[in-house]
């Protein structure tokens, strides 16, 4: 099977990293780096935490892997090309695009997220203007 379209594992490998950055006097500089939680840096995180952070990417890779098994190499390449073209479509400069085609393609158009509720314009915000437009002239 092509490695590019293989189904990812849902149990990522445990990565243990220890960072002890010390300042000029041999102690951790709390004002610049914040409080240090040594236990969370030395112990491995829960396996589901990493899986949940990469959920959308893993879901997309799983769909591409299934498409590869069902339709061969051409089907996932077509899906990737359509997704890339949907991500490129936008509005005029200065106007934020909603990327509706990309949401419909990904299947998230009917999901209600926190960005849908709180990201819209508010009455006390000024309307965004194009940088080249001058309303006072």
C-alpha atoms as a PDB file:
ATOM      1  CA  UNK A   1       0.000   0.000   0.000  1.00  0.00           C
ATOM      2  CA  UNK A   2       1.191   3.480  -0.775  1.00  0.00           C
ATOM      3  CA  UNK A   3       2.658   5.033   2.385  1.00  0.00           C
ATOM      4  CA  UNK A   4       1.145   8.431   1.551  1.00  0.00           C
ATOM      5  CA  UNK A   5      -2.414   7.106   1.897  1.00  0.00           C
ATOM      6  CA  UNK A   6      -1.933   4.676   4.766  1.00  0.00           C
ATOM      7  CA  UNK A   7      -4.367   4.782   7.662  1.00  0.00           C
ATOM      8  CA  UNK A   8      -2.675   6.415  10.696  1.00  0.00           C
ATOM      9  CA  UNK A   9      -2.455   4.690  14.030  1.00  0.00           C
ATOM     10  CA  UNK A  10      -4.779   6.038  16.691  1.00  0.00           C
ATOM     11  CA  UNK A  11      -2.276   5.352  19.483  1.00  0.00           C
ATOM     12  CA  UNK A  12       0.651   7.711  19.029  1.00  0.00           C
ATOM     13  CA  UNK A  13       4.030   6.845  20.486  1.00  0.00           C
ATOM     14  CA  UNK A  14       4.728   8.323  23.894  1.00  0.00           C
ATOM     15  CA  UNK A  15       7.142  11.215  23.609  1.00  0.00           C
ATOM     16  CA  UNK A  16       8.957  12.155  26.778  1.00  0.00           C
ATOM     17  CA  UNK A  17      10.741  15.460  26.751  1.00  0.00           C
ATOM     18  CA  UNK A  18      12.465  17.273  29.552  1.00  0.00           C
ATOM     19  CA  UNK A  19      13.252  20.944  29.208  1.00  0.00           C
ATOM     20  CA  UNK A  20      15.147  22.650  31.964  1.00  0.00           C
ATOM     21  CA  UNK A  21      16.169  26.031  30.669  1.00  0.00           C
ATOM     22  CA  UNK A  22      18.096  27.896  33.290  1.00  0.00           C
ATOM     23  CA  UNK A  23      18.909  31.576  33.375  1.00  0.00           C
ATOM     24  CA  UNK A  24      22.177  33.337  34.035  1.00  0.00           C
ATOM     25  CA  UNK A  25      22.246  32.365  37.705  1.00  0.00           C
ATOM     26  CA  UNK A  26      21.498  28.666  37.238  1.00  0.00           C
ATOM     27  CA  UNK A  27      17.786  28.814  38.149  1.00  0.00           C
ATOM     28  CA  UNK A  28      14.686  28.890  35.962  1.00  0.00           C
ATOM     29  CA  UNK A  29      13.729  32.431  34.925  1.00  0.00           C
ATOM     30  CA  UNK A  30      10.083  32.522  36.022  1.00  0.00           C
ATOM     31  CA  UNK A  31       9.363  35.996  34.676  1.00  0.00           C
ATOM     32  CA  UNK A  32      10.303  35.039  31.121  1.00  0.00           C
ATOM     33  CA  UNK A  33       9.234  31.397  30.898  1.00  0.00           C
ATOM     34  CA  UNK A  34       6.355  31.258  33.400  1.00  0.00           C
ATOM     35  CA  UNK A  35       5.874  28.776  36.175  1.00  0.00           C
ATOM     36  CA  UNK A  36       7.453  25.386  35.589  1.00  0.00           C
ATOM     37  CA  UNK A  37       5.430  22.262  36.174  1.00  0.00           C
ATOM     38  CA  UNK A  38       8.130  19.605  36.299  1.00  0.00           C
ATOM     39  CA  UNK A  39       5.770  16.677  36.637  1.00  0.00           C
ATOM     40  CA  UNK A  40       3.883  17.481  33.432  1.00  0.00           C
ATOM     41  CA  UNK A  41       7.161  17.894  31.563  1.00  0.00           C
ATOM     42  CA  UNK A  42       8.681  14.607  32.724  1.00  0.00           C
ATOM     43  CA  UNK A  43       5.691  12.269  32.601  1.00  0.00           C
ATOM     44  CA  UNK A  44       3.984  11.237  29.413  1.00  0.00           C
ATOM     45  CA  UNK A  45       0.641  12.778  28.618  1.00  0.00           C
ATOM     46  CA  UNK A  46      -2.498  10.723  28.226  1.00  0.00           C
ATOM     47  CA  UNK A  47      -2.652   8.965  24.827  1.00  0.00           C
ATOM     48  CA  UNK A  48      -6.051  10.449  24.022  1.00  0.00           C
ATOM     49  CA  UNK A  49      -4.751  14.011  24.378  1.00  0.00           C
ATOM     50  CA  UNK A  50      -2.471  13.692  21.362  1.00  0.00           C
ATOM     51  CA  UNK A  51      -5.152  11.804  19.457  1.00  0.00           C
ATOM     52  CA  UNK A  52      -7.716  14.554  20.088  1.00  0.00           C
ATOM     53  CA  UNK A  53      -5.297  17.291  19.038  1.00  0.00           C
ATOM     54  CA  UNK A  54      -4.806  15.597  15.686  1.00  0.00           C
ATOM     55  CA  UNK A  55      -8.437  14.434  15.244  1.00  0.00           C
ATOM     56  CA  UNK A  56      -9.304  16.325  12.036  1.00  0.00           C
ATOM     57  CA  UNK A  57      -6.003  15.442  10.371  1.00  0.00           C
ATOM     58  CA  UNK A  58      -6.354  11.774  11.350  1.00  0.00           C
ATOM     59  CA  UNK A  59      -9.947  11.700  10.118  1.00  0.00           C
ATOM     60  CA  UNK A  60      -8.853  13.134   6.759  1.00  0.00           C
ATOM     61  CA  UNK A  61      -6.004  10.596   6.490  1.00  0.00           C
ATOM     62  CA  UNK A  62      -8.393   7.744   7.314  1.00  0.00           C
ATOM     63  CA  UNK A  63     -10.789   8.900   4.580  1.00  0.00           C
ATOM     64  CA  UNK A  64      -7.926   9.091   2.089  1.00  0.00           C
ATOM     65  CA  UNK A  65      -6.742   5.623   3.119  1.00  0.00           C
ATOM     66  CA  UNK A  66     -10.218   4.143   2.624  1.00  0.00           C
ATOM     67  CA  UNK A  67     -10.542   5.908  -0.729  1.00  0.00           C
ATOM     68  CA  UNK A  68      -7.184   4.438  -1.759  1.00  0.00           C
ATOM     69  CA  UNK A  69      -8.298   0.921  -0.832  1.00  0.00           C
ATOM     70  CA  UNK A  70     -11.624   1.298  -2.635  1.00  0.00           C
ATOM     71  CA  UNK A  71     -10.739   3.280  -5.755  1.00  0.00           C
ATOM     72  CA  UNK A  72      -6.992   3.117  -6.206  1.00  0.00           C
ATOM     73  CA  UNK A  73      -4.461   5.930  -6.213  1.00  0.00           C
ATOM     74  CA  UNK A  74      -6.467   8.293  -8.428  1.00  0.00           C
ATOM     75  CA  UNK A  75      -9.348   8.779  -5.989  1.00  0.00           C
ATOM     76  CA  UNK A  76      -7.393  10.210  -3.019  1.00  0.00           C
ATOM     77  CA  UNK A  77      -5.371  12.417  -5.374  1.00  0.00           C
ATOM     78  CA  UNK A  78      -8.625  13.800  -6.782  1.00  0.00           C
ATOM     79  CA  UNK A  79      -9.948  14.413  -3.261  1.00  0.00           C
ATOM     80  CA  UNK A  80      -6.758  16.245  -2.290  1.00  0.00           C
ATOM     81  CA  UNK A  81      -6.856  18.385  -5.449  1.00  0.00           C
ATOM     82  CA  UNK A  82     -10.483  19.388  -4.839  1.00  0.00           C
ATOM     83  CA  UNK A  83      -9.778  20.191  -1.204  1.00  0.00           C
ATOM     84  CA  UNK A  84      -6.794  22.358  -2.190  1.00  0.00           C
ATOM     85  CA  UNK A  85      -8.850  24.240  -4.780  1.00  0.00           C
ATOM     86  CA  UNK A  86     -11.675  24.778  -2.265  1.00  0.00           C
ATOM     87  CA  UNK A  87      -9.186  26.206   0.235  1.00  0.00           C
ATOM     88  CA  UNK A  88      -7.859  28.670  -2.385  1.00  0.00           C
ATOM     89  CA  UNK A  89     -11.264  30.153  -3.199  1.00  0.00           C
ATOM     90  CA  UNK A  90     -11.815  33.409  -1.382  1.00  0.00           C
ATOM     91  CA  UNK A  91     -13.363  36.830  -1.606  1.00  0.00           C
ATOM     92  CA  UNK A  92     -11.896  40.159  -2.558  1.00  0.00           C
ATOM     93  CA  UNK A  93      -8.985  41.470  -0.501  1.00  0.00           C
ATOM     94  CA  UNK A  94     -10.072  42.958   2.808  1.00  0.00           C
ATOM     95  CA  UNK A  95     -13.195  40.825   3.091  1.00  0.00           C
ATOM     96  CA  UNK A  96     -13.027  37.667   5.159  1.00  0.00           C
ATOM     97  CA  UNK A  97     -14.160  34.509   3.388  1.00  0.00           C
ATOM     98  CA  UNK A  98     -16.374  31.920   5.057  1.00  0.00           C
ATOM     99  CA  UNK A  99     -14.903  29.025   3.003  1.00  0.00           C
ATOM    100  CA  UNK A 100     -18.330  27.472   2.601  1.00  0.00           C
ATOM    101  CA  UNK A 101     -17.178  25.120  -0.189  1.00  0.00           C
ATOM    102  CA  UNK A 102     -14.394  23.776   2.045  1.00  0.00           C
ATOM    103  CA  UNK A 103     -16.835  23.272   4.936  1.00  0.00           C
ATOM    104  CA  UNK A 104     -19.302  21.421   2.692  1.00  0.00           C
ATOM    105  CA  UNK A 105     -16.480  19.302   1.286  1.00  0.00           C
ATOM    106  CA  UNK A 106     -15.200  18.431   4.784  1.00  0.00           C
ATOM    107  CA  UNK A 107     -18.720  17.773   6.110  1.00  0.00           C
ATOM    108  CA  UNK A 108     -18.543  20.440   8.817  1.00  0.00           C
ATOM    109  CA  UNK A 109     -21.134  22.777   7.305  1.00  0.00           C
ATOM    110  CA  UNK A 110     -23.890  21.602   9.663  1.00  0.00           C
ATOM    111  CA  UNK A 111     -21.733  21.629  12.820  1.00  0.00           C
ATOM    112  CA  UNK A 112     -22.266  24.499  15.234  1.00  0.00           C
ATOM    113  CA  UNK A 113     -18.945  25.549  16.741  1.00  0.00           C
ATOM    114  CA  UNK A 114     -17.918  28.331  19.096  1.00  0.00           C
ATOM    115  CA  UNK A 115     -16.533  30.331  16.161  1.00  0.00           C
ATOM    116  CA  UNK A 116     -19.974  30.355  14.541  1.00  0.00           C
ATOM    117  CA  UNK A 117     -21.485  31.994  17.605  1.00  0.00           C
ATOM    118  CA  UNK A 118     -18.816  34.474  18.701  1.00  0.00           C
ATOM    119  CA  UNK A 119     -16.862  35.321  15.541  1.00  0.00           C
ATOM    120  CA  UNK A 120     -19.419  37.483  13.766  1.00  0.00           C
ATOM    121  CA  UNK A 121     -19.314  41.270  13.665  1.00  0.00           C
ATOM    122  CA  UNK A 122     -20.650  43.085  16.690  1.00  0.00           C
ATOM    123  CA  UNK A 123     -22.541  46.388  16.641  1.00  0.00           C
ATOM    124  CA  UNK A 124     -19.721  48.274  18.386  1.00  0.00           C
ATOM    125  CA  UNK A 125     -17.035  47.148  15.939  1.00  0.00           C
ATOM    126  CA  UNK A 126     -16.281  49.239  12.918  1.00  0.00           C
ATOM    127  CA  UNK A 127     -16.944  47.728   9.541  1.00  0.00           C
ATOM    128  CA  UNK A 128     -13.752  46.395   7.940  1.00  0.00           C
ATOM    129  CA  UNK A 129     -12.590  48.543   5.080  1.00  0.00           C
ATOM    130  CA  UNK A 130     -10.354  47.797   2.182  1.00  0.00           C
ATOM    131  CA  UNK A 131      -6.869  49.220   2.866  1.00  0.00           C
ATOM    132  CA  UNK A 132      -6.877  51.231  -0.364  1.00  0.00           C
ATOM    133  CA  UNK A 133     -10.303  52.746   0.210  1.00  0.00           C
ATOM    134  CA  UNK A 134     -10.472  56.051   2.013  1.00  0.00           C
ATOM    135  CA  UNK A 135     -13.920  56.927   3.301  1.00  0.00           C
ATOM    136  CA  UNK A 136     -12.979  60.504   4.165  1.00  0.00           C
ATOM    137  CA  UNK A 137     -11.781  61.542   0.694  1.00  0.00           C
END
